[in-house]
Amino acid sequence: QVQLVESGGGLVQPGGSLRLSCAASGFTFSGYSMSWYRQAPGKERELVATIGPAGSITNYVDSVKGRFTISRDNAKKTVYLQMNRLKPEDTALYFCRANVLPYWGQGTQVTVSS
């Protein structure tokens, strides 16, 4: 069935960059908007970025505008999140989701620390 596999997280210093990937299967990928969420310990899960089915429309939470870029490759059924100028407050477990299917992957951990 639906499978979402996030990858690309890691430990990075403040000001550094990471590129997250989410490989999707089990549904018609090109027919859905895709979103990245993040959740820090003790915090609510937060919507970070969304991209439309064809990749022409994107939206971001204010705190990441100008630093993060969401993109997708429908042929590869993969959505990406390029994260630049990372800050400690970006530290969280990052998930992707097909809007609005009730499925989540295991997430990929991003830790921003010196």
PDB file of N, CA and C in Angstrom:
ATOM      1  N   GLN A   1       0.845  -1.209   0.000  1.00  0.00           N
ATOM      2  CA  GLN A   1       0.000   0.000   0.000  1.00  0.00           C
ATOM      3  C   GLN A   1       0.871   1.246   0.000  1.00  0.00           C
ATOM      4  N   VAL A   2       0.346   2.322   0.570  1.00  0.00           N
ATOM      5  CA  VAL A   2       1.071   3.582   0.587  1.00  0.00           C
ATOM      6  C   VAL A   2       2.340   3.433   1.414  1.00  0.00           C
ATOM      7  N   GLN A   3       3.447   3.898   0.847  1.00  0.00           N
ATOM      8  CA  GLN A   3       4.715   3.883   1.542  1.00  0.00           C
ATOM      9  C   GLN A   3       5.430   5.203   1.300  1.00  0.00           C
ATOM     10  N   LEU A   4       5.957   5.772   2.369  1.00  0.00           N
ATOM     11  CA  LEU A   4       6.705   7.012   2.317  1.00  0.00           C
ATOM     12  C   LEU A   4       7.999   6.791   3.078  1.00  0.00           C
ATOM     13  N   VAL A   5       9.116   7.010   2.419  1.00  0.00           N
ATOM     14  CA  VAL A   5      10.416   6.760   3.016  1.00  0.00           C
ATOM     15  C   VAL A   5      11.240   8.035   2.963  1.00  0.00           C
ATOM     16  N   GLU A   6      11.411   8.667   4.110  1.00  0.00           N
ATOM     17  CA  GLU A   6      12.192   9.891   4.217  1.00  0.00           C
ATOM     18  C   GLU A   6      13.663   9.565   4.449  1.00  0.00           C
ATOM     19  N   SER A   7      14.537  10.388   3.897  1.00  0.00           N
ATOM     20  CA  SER A   7      15.966  10.195   4.079  1.00  0.00           C
ATOM     21  C   SER A   7      16.683  11.525   3.912  1.00  0.00           C
ATOM     22  N   GLY A   8      17.957  11.550   4.252  1.00  0.00           N
ATOM     23  CA  GLY A   8      18.793  12.718   4.032  1.00  0.00           C
ATOM     24  C   GLY A   8      19.077  13.550   5.258  1.00  0.00           C
ATOM     25  N   GLY A   9      18.481  13.216   6.378  1.00  0.00           N
ATOM     26  CA  GLY A   9      18.733  13.967   7.595  1.00  0.00           C
ATOM     27  C   GLY A   9      20.116  13.688   8.150  1.00  0.00           C
ATOM     28  N   GLY A  10      20.465  14.436   9.175  1.00  0.00           N
ATOM     29  CA  GLY A  10      21.756  14.264   9.807  1.00  0.00           C
ATOM     30  C   GLY A  10      22.060  15.394  10.756  1.00  0.00           C
ATOM     31  N   LEU A  11      23.288  15.403  11.223  1.00  0.00           N
ATOM     32  CA  LEU A  11      23.778  16.444  12.118  1.00  0.00           C
ATOM     33  C   LEU A  11      24.526  17.487  11.306  1.00  0.00           C
ATOM     34  N   VAL A  12      24.149  18.745  11.474  1.00  0.00           N
ATOM     35  CA  VAL A  12      24.770  19.827  10.728  1.00  0.00           C
ATOM     36  C   VAL A  12      24.954  21.029  11.641  1.00  0.00           C
ATOM     37  N   GLN A  13      25.988  21.808  11.386  1.00  0.00           N
ATOM     38  CA  GLN A  13      26.236  23.011  12.168  1.00  0.00           C
ATOM     39  C   GLN A  13      25.306  24.136  11.743  1.00  0.00           C
ATOM     40  N   PRO A  14      25.023  25.078  12.648  1.00  0.00           N
ATOM     41  CA  PRO A  14      24.221  26.238  12.248  1.00  0.00           C
ATOM     42  C   PRO A  14      24.810  26.909  11.014  1.00  0.00           C
ATOM     43  N   GLY A  15      23.930  27.285  10.089  1.00  0.00           N
ATOM     44  CA  GLY A  15      24.351  27.869   8.833  1.00  0.00           C
ATOM     45  C   GLY A  15      24.585  26.864   7.726  1.00  0.00           C
ATOM     46  N   GLY A  16      24.564  25.588   8.056  1.00  0.00           N
ATOM     47  CA  GLY A  16      24.786  24.547   7.073  1.00  0.00           C
ATOM     48  C   GLY A  16      23.544  24.210   6.280  1.00  0.00           C
ATOM     49  N   SER A  17      23.681  23.201   5.419  1.00  0.00           N
ATOM     50  CA  SER A  17      22.604  22.801   4.519  1.00  0.00           C
ATOM     51  C   SER A  17      22.403  21.297   4.536  1.00  0.00           C
ATOM     52  N   LEU A  18      21.177  20.882   4.260  1.00  0.00           N
ATOM     53  CA  LEU A  18      20.822  19.484   4.059  1.00  0.00           C
ATOM     54  C   LEU A  18      19.766  19.407   2.979  1.00  0.00           C
ATOM     55  N   ARG A  19      19.722  18.282   2.281  1.00  0.00           N
ATOM     56  CA  ARG A  19      18.670  18.022   1.310  1.00  0.00           C
ATOM     57  C   ARG A  19      17.954  16.739   1.697  1.00  0.00           C
ATOM     58  N   LEU A  20      16.682  16.856   2.045  1.00  0.00           N
ATOM     59  CA  LEU A  20      15.873  15.709   2.401  1.00  0.00           C
ATOM     60  C   LEU A  20      15.162  15.154   1.174  1.00  0.00           C
ATOM     61  N   SER A  21      14.961  13.845   1.163  1.00  0.00           N
ATOM     62  CA  SER A  21      14.221  13.184   0.102  1.00  0.00           C
ATOM     63  C   SER A  21      13.110  12.344   0.701  1.00  0.00           C
ATOM     64  N   CYS A  22      12.029  12.210  -0.028  1.00  0.00           N
ATOM     65  CA  CYS A  22      10.920  11.342   0.364  1.00  0.00           C
ATOM     66  C   CYS A  22      10.502  10.542  -0.856  1.00  0.00           C
ATOM     67  N   ALA A  23      10.740   9.244  -0.815  1.00  0.00           N
ATOM     68  CA  ALA A  23      10.360   8.349  -1.896  1.00  0.00           C
ATOM     69  C   ALA A  23       8.983   7.778  -1.609  1.00  0.00           C
ATOM     70  N   ALA A  24       8.067   7.927  -2.562  1.00  0.00           N
ATOM     71  CA  ALA A  24       6.677   7.535  -2.371  1.00  0.00           C
ATOM     72  C   ALA A  24       6.302   6.379  -3.284  1.00  0.00           C
ATOM     73  N   SER A  25       5.359   5.572  -2.815  1.00  0.00           N
ATOM     74  CA  SER A  25       4.822   4.489  -3.623  1.00  0.00           C
ATOM     75  C   SER A  25       3.444   4.114  -3.098  1.00  0.00           C
ATOM     76  N   GLY A  26       2.687   3.383  -3.907  1.00  0.00           N
ATOM     77  CA  GLY A  26       1.389   2.895  -3.483  1.00  0.00           C
ATOM     78  C   GLY A  26       0.223   3.809  -3.791  1.00  0.00           C
ATOM     79  N   PHE A  27       0.466   4.905  -4.494  1.00  0.00           N
ATOM     80  CA  PHE A  27      -0.595   5.815  -4.903  1.00  0.00           C
ATOM     81  C   PHE A  27      -0.128   6.594  -6.118  1.00  0.00           C
ATOM     82  N   THR A  28      -1.055   7.287  -6.757  1.00  0.00           N
ATOM     83  CA  THR A  28      -0.724   8.054  -7.953  1.00  0.00           C
ATOM     84  C   THR A  28      -0.055   9.354  -7.531  1.00  0.00           C
ATOM     85  N   PHE A  29       1.268   9.308  -7.458  1.00  0.00           N
ATOM     86  CA  PHE A  29       2.048  10.400  -6.888  1.00  0.00           C
ATOM     87  C   PHE A  29       1.739  11.741  -7.548  1.00  0.00           C
ATOM     88  N   SER A  30       1.656  11.757  -8.876  1.00  0.00           N
ATOM     89  CA  SER A  30       1.473  13.010  -9.600  1.00  0.00           C
ATOM     90  C   SER A  30       0.093  13.627  -9.390  1.00  0.00           C
ATOM     91  N   GLY A  31      -0.817  12.906  -8.762  1.00  0.00           N
ATOM     92  CA  GLY A  31      -2.152  13.426  -8.524  1.00  0.00           C
ATOM     93  C   GLY A  31      -2.335  14.122  -7.187  1.00  0.00           C
ATOM     94  N   TYR A  32      -1.281  14.210  -6.397  1.00  0.00           N
ATOM     95  CA  TYR A  32      -1.386  14.746  -5.049  1.00  0.00           C
ATOM     96  C   TYR A  32      -0.404  15.867  -4.777  1.00  0.00           C
ATOM     97  N   SER A  33      -0.857  16.853  -4.030  1.00  0.00           N
ATOM     98  CA  SER A  33       0.073  17.768  -3.394  1.00  0.00           C
ATOM     99  C   SER A  33       0.882  16.990  -2.364  1.00  0.00           C
ATOM    100  N   MET A  34       2.102  17.429  -2.126  1.00  0.00           N
ATOM    101  CA  MET A  34       2.963  16.800  -1.135  1.00  0.00           C
ATOM    102  C   MET A  34       3.440  17.851  -0.145  1.00  0.00           C
ATOM    103  N   SER A  35       3.587  17.439   1.096  1.00  0.00           N
ATOM    104  CA  SER A  35       4.005  18.365   2.137  1.00  0.00           C
ATOM    105  C   SER A  35       5.114  17.768   2.982  1.00  0.00           C
ATOM    106  N   TRP A  36       5.930  18.651   3.527  1.00  0.00           N
ATOM    107  CA  TRP A  36       6.896  18.308   4.563  1.00  0.00           C
ATOM    108  C   TRP A  36       6.408  18.868   5.890  1.00  0.00           C
ATOM    109  N   TYR A  37       6.485  18.045   6.920  1.00  0.00           N
ATOM    110  CA  TYR A  37       6.172  18.426   8.289  1.00  0.00           C
ATOM    111  C   TYR A  37       7.391  18.175   9.159  1.00  0.00           C
ATOM    112  N   ARG A  38       7.410  18.788  10.325  1.00  0.00           N
ATOM    113  CA  ARG A  38       8.460  18.494  11.282  1.00  0.00           C
ATOM    114  C   ARG A  38       7.883  18.488  12.687  1.00  0.00           C
ATOM    115  N   GLN A  39       8.518  17.727  13.550  1.00  0.00           N
ATOM    116  CA  GLN A  39       8.078  17.629  14.932  1.00  0.00           C
ATOM    117  C   GLN A  39       9.290  17.523  15.844  1.00  0.00           C
ATOM    118  N   ALA A  40       9.397  18.473  16.755  1.00  0.00           N
ATOM    119  CA  ALA A  40      10.437  18.463  17.763  1.00  0.00           C
ATOM    120  C   ALA A  40       9.880  17.832  19.034  1.00  0.00           C
ATOM    121  N   PRO A  41      10.742  17.290  19.893  1.00  0.00           N
ATOM    122  CA  PRO A  41      10.259  16.667  21.130  1.00  0.00           C
ATOM    123  C   PRO A  41       9.401  17.622  21.947  1.00  0.00           C
ATOM    124  N   GLY A  42       8.234  17.142  22.363  1.00  0.00           N
ATOM    125  CA  GLY A  42       7.339  17.946  23.166  1.00  0.00           C
ATOM    126  C   GLY A  42       6.566  19.006  22.407  1.00  0.00           C
ATOM    127  N   LYS A  43       6.713  19.045  21.096  1.00  0.00           N
ATOM    128  CA  LYS A  43       6.043  20.050  20.278  1.00  0.00           C
ATOM    129  C   LYS A  43       5.035  19.400  19.335  1.00  0.00           C
ATOM    130  N   GLU A  44       4.083  20.190  18.874  1.00  0.00           N
ATOM    131  CA  GLU A  44       3.122  19.725  17.892  1.00  0.00           C
ATOM    132  C   GLU A  44       3.794  19.582  16.533  1.00  0.00           C
ATOM    133  N   ARG A  45       3.276  18.670  15.727  1.00  0.00           N
ATOM    134  CA  ARG A  45       3.766  18.526  14.375  1.00  0.00           C
ATOM    135  C   ARG A  45       3.401  19.771  13.570  1.00  0.00           C
ATOM    136  N   GLU A  46       4.371  20.316  12.853  1.00  0.00           N
ATOM    137  CA  GLU A  46       4.242  21.589  12.171  1.00  0.00           C
ATOM    138  C   GLU A  46       4.357  21.399  10.666  1.00  0.00           C
ATOM    139  N   LEU A  47       3.438  21.987   9.922  1.00  0.00           N
ATOM    140  CA  LEU A  47       3.540  22.001   8.467  1.00  0.00           C
ATOM    141  C   LEU A  47       4.631  22.973   8.052  1.00  0.00           C
ATOM    142  N   VAL A  48       5.590  22.489   7.278  1.00  0.00           N
ATOM    143  CA  VAL A  48       6.737  23.291   6.872  1.00  0.00           C
ATOM    144  C   VAL A  48       6.591  23.813   5.453  1.00  0.00           C
ATOM    145  N   ALA A  49       6.231  22.944   4.518  1.00  0.00           N
ATOM    146  CA  ALA A  49       6.174  23.323   3.109  1.00  0.00           C
ATOM    147  C   ALA A  49       5.225  22.402   2.366  1.00  0.00           C
ATOM    148  N   THR A  50       4.610  22.934   1.324  1.00  0.00           N
ATOM    149  CA  THR A  50       3.705  22.177   0.477  1.00  0.00           C
ATOM    150  C   THR A  50       3.992  22.499  -0.979  1.00  0.00           C
ATOM    151  N   ILE A  51       3.868  21.497  -1.843  1.00  0.00           N
ATOM    152  CA  ILE A  51       4.039  21.689  -3.271  1.00  0.00           C
ATOM    153  C   ILE A  51       2.874  21.049  -3.999  1.00  0.00           C
ATOM    154  N   GLY A  52       2.354  21.733  -5.011  1.00  0.00           N
ATOM    155  CA  GLY A  52       1.229  21.243  -5.778  1.00  0.00           C
ATOM    156  C   GLY A  52       1.595  20.046  -6.634  1.00  0.00           C
ATOM    157  N   PRO A  53       0.606  19.368  -7.194  1.00  0.00           N
ATOM    158  CA  PRO A  53       0.849  18.142  -7.968  1.00  0.00           C
ATOM    159  C   PRO A  53       1.855  18.293  -9.098  1.00  0.00           C
ATOM    160  N   ALA A  54       1.824  19.421  -9.799  1.00  0.00           N
ATOM    161  CA  ALA A  54       2.735  19.642 -10.920  1.00  0.00           C
ATOM    162  C   ALA A  54       3.985  20.414 -10.530  1.00  0.00           C
ATOM    163  N   GLY A  55       4.091  20.808  -9.277  1.00  0.00           N
ATOM    164  CA  GLY A  55       5.272  21.491  -8.801  1.00  0.00           C
ATOM    165  C   GLY A  55       5.303  22.984  -9.058  1.00  0.00           C
ATOM    166  N   SER A  56       4.235  23.554  -9.581  1.00  0.00           N
ATOM    167  CA  SER A  56       4.230  24.967  -9.940  1.00  0.00           C
ATOM    168  C   SER A  56       3.811  25.878  -8.798  1.00  0.00           C
ATOM    169  N   ILE A  57       3.196  25.327  -7.775  1.00  0.00           N
ATOM    170  CA  ILE A  57       2.740  26.111  -6.637  1.00  0.00           C
ATOM    171  C   ILE A  57       3.402  25.582  -5.382  1.00  0.00           C
ATOM    172  N   THR A  58       4.003  26.479  -4.606  1.00  0.00           N
ATOM    173  CA  THR A  58       4.634  26.097  -3.354  1.00  0.00           C
ATOM    174  C   THR A  58       4.218  27.045  -2.248  1.00  0.00           C
ATOM    175  N   ASN A  59       4.206  26.551  -1.025  1.00  0.00           N
ATOM    176  CA  ASN A  59       3.902  27.352   0.150  1.00  0.00           C
ATOM    177  C   ASN A  59       4.821  26.933   1.274  1.00  0.00           C
ATOM    178  N   TYR A  60       5.187  27.908   2.119  1.00  0.00           N
ATOM    179  CA  TYR A  60       6.106  27.669   3.217  1.00  0.00           C
ATOM    180  C   TYR A  60       5.621  28.356   4.476  1.00  0.00           C
ATOM    181  N   VAL A  61       5.937  27.743   5.608  1.00  0.00           N
ATOM    182  CA  VAL A  61       5.726  28.422   6.866  1.00  0.00           C
ATOM    183  C   VAL A  61       6.700  29.610   6.932  1.00  0.00           C
ATOM    184  N   ASP A  62       6.277  30.700   7.568  1.00  0.00           N
ATOM    185  CA  ASP A  62       7.067  31.926   7.553  1.00  0.00           C
ATOM    186  C   ASP A  62       8.498  31.720   8.053  1.00  0.00           C
ATOM    187  N   SER A  63       8.684  30.854   9.016  1.00  0.00           N
ATOM    188  CA  SER A  63       9.990  30.693   9.634  1.00  0.00           C
ATOM    189  C   SER A  63      11.046  30.098   8.707  1.00  0.00           C
ATOM    190  N   VAL A  64      10.641  29.502   7.586  1.00  0.00           N
ATOM    191  CA  VAL A  64      11.609  28.897   6.674  1.00  0.00           C
ATOM    192  C   VAL A  64      11.649  29.580   5.313  1.00  0.00           C
ATOM    193  N   LYS A  65      10.805  30.560   5.081  1.00  0.00           N
ATOM    194  CA  LYS A  65      10.789  31.251   3.793  1.00  0.00           C
ATOM    195  C   LYS A  65      12.147  31.877   3.508  1.00  0.00           C
ATOM    196  N   GLY A  66      12.631  31.664   2.296  1.00  0.00           N
ATOM    197  CA  GLY A  66      13.926  32.179   1.900  1.00  0.00           C
ATOM    198  C   GLY A  66      15.078  31.263   2.235  1.00  0.00           C
ATOM    199  N   ARG A  67      14.829  30.233   3.028  1.00  0.00           N
ATOM    200  CA  ARG A  67      15.878  29.285   3.408  1.00  0.00           C
ATOM    201  C   ARG A  67      15.620  27.879   2.872  1.00  0.00           C
ATOM    202  N   PHE A  68      14.359  27.460   2.841  1.00  0.00           N
ATOM    203  CA  PHE A  68      13.994  26.114   2.406  1.00  0.00           C
ATOM    204  C   PHE A  68      13.329  26.171   1.035  1.00  0.00           C
ATOM    205  N   THR A  69      13.537  25.131   0.241  1.00  0.00           N
ATOM    206  CA  THR A  69      12.895  25.004  -1.057  1.00  0.00           C
ATOM    207  C   THR A  69      12.351  23.591  -1.215  1.00  0.00           C
ATOM    208  N   ILE A  70      11.050  23.486  -1.460  1.00  0.00           N
ATOM    209  CA  ILE A  70      10.441  22.192  -1.728  1.00  0.00           C
ATOM    210  C   ILE A  70      10.376  21.990  -3.242  1.00  0.00           C
ATOM    211  N   SER A  71      10.633  20.768  -3.691  1.00  0.00           N
ATOM    212  CA  SER A  71      10.557  20.444  -5.102  1.00  0.00           C
ATOM    213  C   SER A  71      10.120  18.993  -5.243  1.00  0.00           C
ATOM    214  N   ARG A  72       9.806  18.599  -6.467  1.00  0.00           N
ATOM    215  CA  ARG A  72       9.389  17.217  -6.690  1.00  0.00           C
ATOM    216  C   ARG A  72       9.793  16.753  -8.071  1.00  0.00           C
ATOM    217  N   ASP A  73       9.945  15.443  -8.197  1.00  0.00           N
ATOM    218  CA  ASP A  73      10.225  14.795  -9.463  1.00  0.00           C
ATOM    219  C   ASP A  73       9.175  13.706  -9.617  1.00  0.00           C
ATOM    220  N   ASN A  74       8.149  13.986 -10.409  1.00  0.00           N
ATOM    221  CA  ASN A  74       7.045  13.043 -10.524  1.00  0.00           C
ATOM    222  C   ASN A  74       7.460  11.738 -11.199  1.00  0.00           C
ATOM    223  N   ALA A  75       8.442  11.788 -12.096  1.00  0.00           N
ATOM    224  CA  ALA A  75       8.919  10.572 -12.733  1.00  0.00           C
ATOM    225  C   ALA A  75       9.573   9.642 -11.718  1.00  0.00           C
ATOM    226  N   LYS A  76      10.254  10.220 -10.736  1.00  0.00           N
ATOM    227  CA  LYS A  76      10.906   9.437  -9.692  1.00  0.00           C
ATOM    228  C   LYS A  76      10.028   9.240  -8.473  1.00  0.00           C
ATOM    229  N   LYS A  77       8.842   9.858  -8.469  1.00  0.00           N
ATOM    230  CA  LYS A  77       7.920   9.774  -7.335  1.00  0.00           C
ATOM    231  C   LYS A  77       8.626  10.156  -6.039  1.00  0.00           C
ATOM    232  N   THR A  78       9.306  11.278  -6.096  1.00  0.00           N
ATOM    233  CA  THR A  78      10.099  11.746  -4.970  1.00  0.00           C
ATOM    234  C   THR A  78       9.869  13.235  -4.753  1.00  0.00           C
ATOM    235  N   VAL A  79       9.746  13.626  -3.493  1.00  0.00           N
ATOM    236  CA  VAL A  79       9.672  15.025  -3.118  1.00  0.00           C
ATOM    237  C   VAL A  79      10.900  15.360  -2.282  1.00  0.00           C
ATOM    238  N   TYR A  80      11.418  16.580  -2.456  1.00  0.00           N
ATOM    239  CA  TYR A  80      12.655  17.003  -1.814  1.00  0.00           C
ATOM    240  C   TYR A  80      12.415  18.241  -0.963  1.00  0.00           C
ATOM    241  N   LEU A  81      13.280  18.427   0.003  1.00  0.00           N
ATOM    242  CA  LEU A  81      13.312  19.656   0.774  1.00  0.00           C
ATOM    243  C   LEU A  81      14.760  20.087   0.918  1.00  0.00           C
ATOM    244  N   GLN A  82      15.135  21.128   0.181  1.00  0.00           N
ATOM    245  CA  GLN A  82      16.459  21.710   0.307  1.00  0.00           C
ATOM    246  C   GLN A  82      16.431  22.716   1.444  1.00  0.00           C
ATOM    247  N   MET A  83      17.287  22.514   2.423  1.00  0.00           N
ATOM    248  CA  MET A  83      17.312  23.346   3.615  1.00  0.00           C
ATOM    249  C   MET A  83      18.665  24.034   3.700  1.00  0.00           C
ATOM    250  N   ASN A  84      18.659  25.362   3.631  1.00  0.00           N
ATOM    251  CA  ASN A  84      19.873  26.162   3.700  1.00  0.00           C
ATOM    252  C   ASN A  84      19.841  27.064   4.923  1.00  0.00           C
ATOM    253  N   ARG A  85      21.016  27.532   5.324  1.00  0.00           N
ATOM    254  CA  ARG A  85      21.153  28.429   6.470  1.00  0.00           C
ATOM    255  C   ARG A  85      20.377  27.896   7.670  1.00  0.00           C
ATOM    256  N   LEU A  86      20.642  26.646   7.987  1.00  0.00           N
ATOM    257  CA  LEU A  86      19.911  25.979   9.047  1.00  0.00           C
ATOM    258  C   LEU A  86      20.187  26.611  10.403  1.00  0.00           C
ATOM    259  N   LYS A  87      19.164  26.600  11.238  1.00  0.00           N
ATOM    260  CA  LYS A  87      19.214  27.163  12.574  1.00  0.00           C
ATOM    261  C   LYS A  87      18.919  26.068  13.591  1.00  0.00           C
ATOM    262  N   PRO A  88      19.379  26.233  14.838  1.00  0.00           N
ATOM    263  CA  PRO A  88      19.071  25.224  15.853  1.00  0.00           C
ATOM    264  C   PRO A  88      17.578  24.955  15.996  1.00  0.00           C
ATOM    265  N   GLU A  89      16.743  25.960  15.808  1.00  0.00           N
ATOM    266  CA  GLU A  89      15.307  25.771  15.925  1.00  0.00           C
ATOM    267  C   GLU A  89      14.711  24.936  14.800  1.00  0.00           C
ATOM    268  N   ASP A  90      15.508  24.616  13.774  1.00  0.00           N
ATOM    269  CA  ASP A  90      15.062  23.698  12.730  1.00  0.00           C
ATOM    270  C   ASP A  90      15.202  22.240  13.150  1.00  0.00           C
ATOM    271  N   THR A  91      15.832  21.987  14.274  1.00  0.00           N
ATOM    272  CA  THR A  91      16.030  20.621  14.755  1.00  0.00           C
ATOM    273  C   THR A  91      14.684  19.950  14.992  1.00  0.00           C
ATOM    274  N   ALA A  92      14.468  18.810  14.341  1.00  0.00           N
ATOM    275  CA  ALA A  92      13.197  18.099  14.441  1.00  0.00           C
ATOM    276  C   ALA A  92      13.280  16.815  13.629  1.00  0.00           C
ATOM    277  N   LEU A  93      12.267  15.983  13.807  1.00  0.00           N
ATOM    278  CA  LEU A  93      12.057  14.833  12.945  1.00  0.00           C
ATOM    279  C   LEU A  93      11.176  15.294  11.788  1.00  0.00           C
ATOM    280  N   TYR A  94      11.649  15.107  10.564  1.00  0.00           N
ATOM    281  CA  TYR A  94      10.957  15.601   9.382  1.00  0.00           C
ATOM    282  C   TYR A  94      10.228  14.474   8.674  1.00  0.00           C
ATOM    283  N   PHE A  95       8.964  14.720   8.335  1.00  0.00           N
ATOM    284  CA  PHE A  95       8.101  13.755   7.668  1.00  0.00           C
ATOM    285  C   PHE A  95       7.561  14.343   6.374  1.00  0.00           C
ATOM    286  N   CYS A  96       7.236  13.484   5.422  1.00  0.00           N
ATOM    287  CA  CYS A  96       6.485  13.924   4.265  1.00  0.00           C
ATOM    288  C   CYS A  96       5.114  13.256   4.264  1.00  0.00           C
ATOM    289  N   ARG A  97       4.182  13.867   3.540  1.00  0.00           N
ATOM    290  CA  ARG A  97       2.835  13.327   3.449  1.00  0.00           C
ATOM    291  C   ARG A  97       2.194  13.738   2.141  1.00  0.00           C
ATOM    292  N   ALA A  98       1.393  12.829   1.588  1.00  0.00           N
ATOM    293  CA  ALA A  98       0.579  13.137   0.431  1.00  0.00           C
ATOM    294  C   ALA A  98      -0.736  13.717   0.923  1.00  0.00           C
ATOM    295  N   ASN A  99      -1.042  14.925   0.491  1.00  0.00           N
ATOM    296  CA  ASN A  99      -2.264  15.600   0.938  1.00  0.00           C
ATOM    297  C   ASN A  99      -3.472  15.012   0.234  1.00  0.00           C
ATOM    298  N   VAL A 100      -4.400  14.432   0.979  1.00  0.00           N
ATOM    299  CA  VAL A 100      -4.458  14.395   2.413  1.00  0.00           C
ATOM    300  C   VAL A 100      -4.635  12.922   2.844  1.00  0.00           C
ATOM    301  N   LEU A 101      -3.731  12.077   2.388  1.00  0.00           N
ATOM    302  CA  LEU A 101      -3.770  10.671   2.739  1.00  0.00           C
ATOM    303  C   LEU A 101      -3.272  10.476   4.167  1.00  0.00           C
ATOM    304  N   PRO A 102      -3.911   9.608   4.932  1.00  0.00           N
ATOM    305  CA  PRO A 102      -3.558   9.436   6.346  1.00  0.00           C
ATOM    306  C   PRO A 102      -2.387   8.487   6.571  1.00  0.00           C
ATOM    307  N   TYR A 103      -1.281   8.744   5.889  1.00  0.00           N
ATOM    308  CA  TYR A 103      -0.114   7.889   6.005  1.00  0.00           C
ATOM    309  C   TYR A 103       1.124   8.726   6.250  1.00  0.00           C
ATOM    310  N   TRP A 104       2.013   8.197   7.105  1.00  0.00           N
ATOM    311  CA  TRP A 104       3.280   8.823   7.433  1.00  0.00           C
ATOM    312  C   TRP A 104       4.391   7.794   7.349  1.00  0.00           C
ATOM    313  N   GLY A 105       5.567   8.245   6.969  1.00  0.00           N
ATOM    314  CA  GLY A 105       6.740   7.403   7.058  1.00  0.00           C
ATOM    315  C   GLY A 105       7.335   7.479   8.452  1.00  0.00           C
ATOM    316  N   GLN A 106       8.554   6.974   8.593  1.00  0.00           N
ATOM    317  CA  GLN A 106       9.222   6.992   9.887  1.00  0.00           C
ATOM    318  C   GLN A 106       9.930   8.307  10.170  1.00  0.00           C
ATOM    319  N   GLY A 107      10.084   9.145   9.160  1.00  0.00           N
ATOM    320  CA  GLY A 107      10.728  10.429   9.327  1.00  0.00           C
ATOM    321  C   GLY A 107      12.240  10.331   9.230  1.00  0.00           C
ATOM    322  N   THR A 108      12.872  11.490   9.074  1.00  0.00           N
ATOM    323  CA  THR A 108      14.320  11.576   9.074  1.00  0.00           C
ATOM    324  C   THR A 108      14.730  12.704  10.017  1.00  0.00           C
ATOM    325  N   GLN A 109      15.698  12.428  10.860  1.00  0.00           N
ATOM    326  CA  GLN A 109      16.085  13.361  11.912  1.00  0.00           C
ATOM    327  C   GLN A 109      17.046  14.416  11.387  1.00  0.00           C
ATOM    328  N   VAL A 110      16.732  15.668  11.672  1.00  0.00           N
ATOM    329  CA  VAL A 110      17.610  16.791  11.380  1.00  0.00           C
ATOM    330  C   VAL A 110      18.010  17.421  12.709  1.00  0.00           C
ATOM    331  N   THR A 111      19.304  17.490  12.952  1.00  0.00           N
ATOM    332  CA  THR A 111      19.815  18.092  14.170  1.00  0.00           C
ATOM    333  C   THR A 111      20.794  19.190  13.792  1.00  0.00           C
ATOM    334  N   VAL A 112      20.507  20.406  14.227  1.00  0.00           N
ATOM    335  CA  VAL A 112      21.343  21.562  13.928  1.00  0.00           C
ATOM    336  C   VAL A 112      21.992  22.005  15.229  1.00  0.00           C
ATOM    337  N   SER A 113      23.282  21.787  15.336  1.00  0.00           N
ATOM    338  CA  SER A 113      23.991  22.068  16.573  1.00  0.00           C
ATOM    339  C   SER A 113      25.471  22.218  16.300  1.00  0.00           C
ATOM    340  N   SER A 114      26.120  23.057  17.088  1.00  0.00           N
ATOM    341  CA  SER A 114      27.555  23.203  17.018  1.00  0.00           C
ATOM    342  C   SER A 114      28.265  22.277  17.987  1.00  0.00           C
TER     343      SER A 114
END
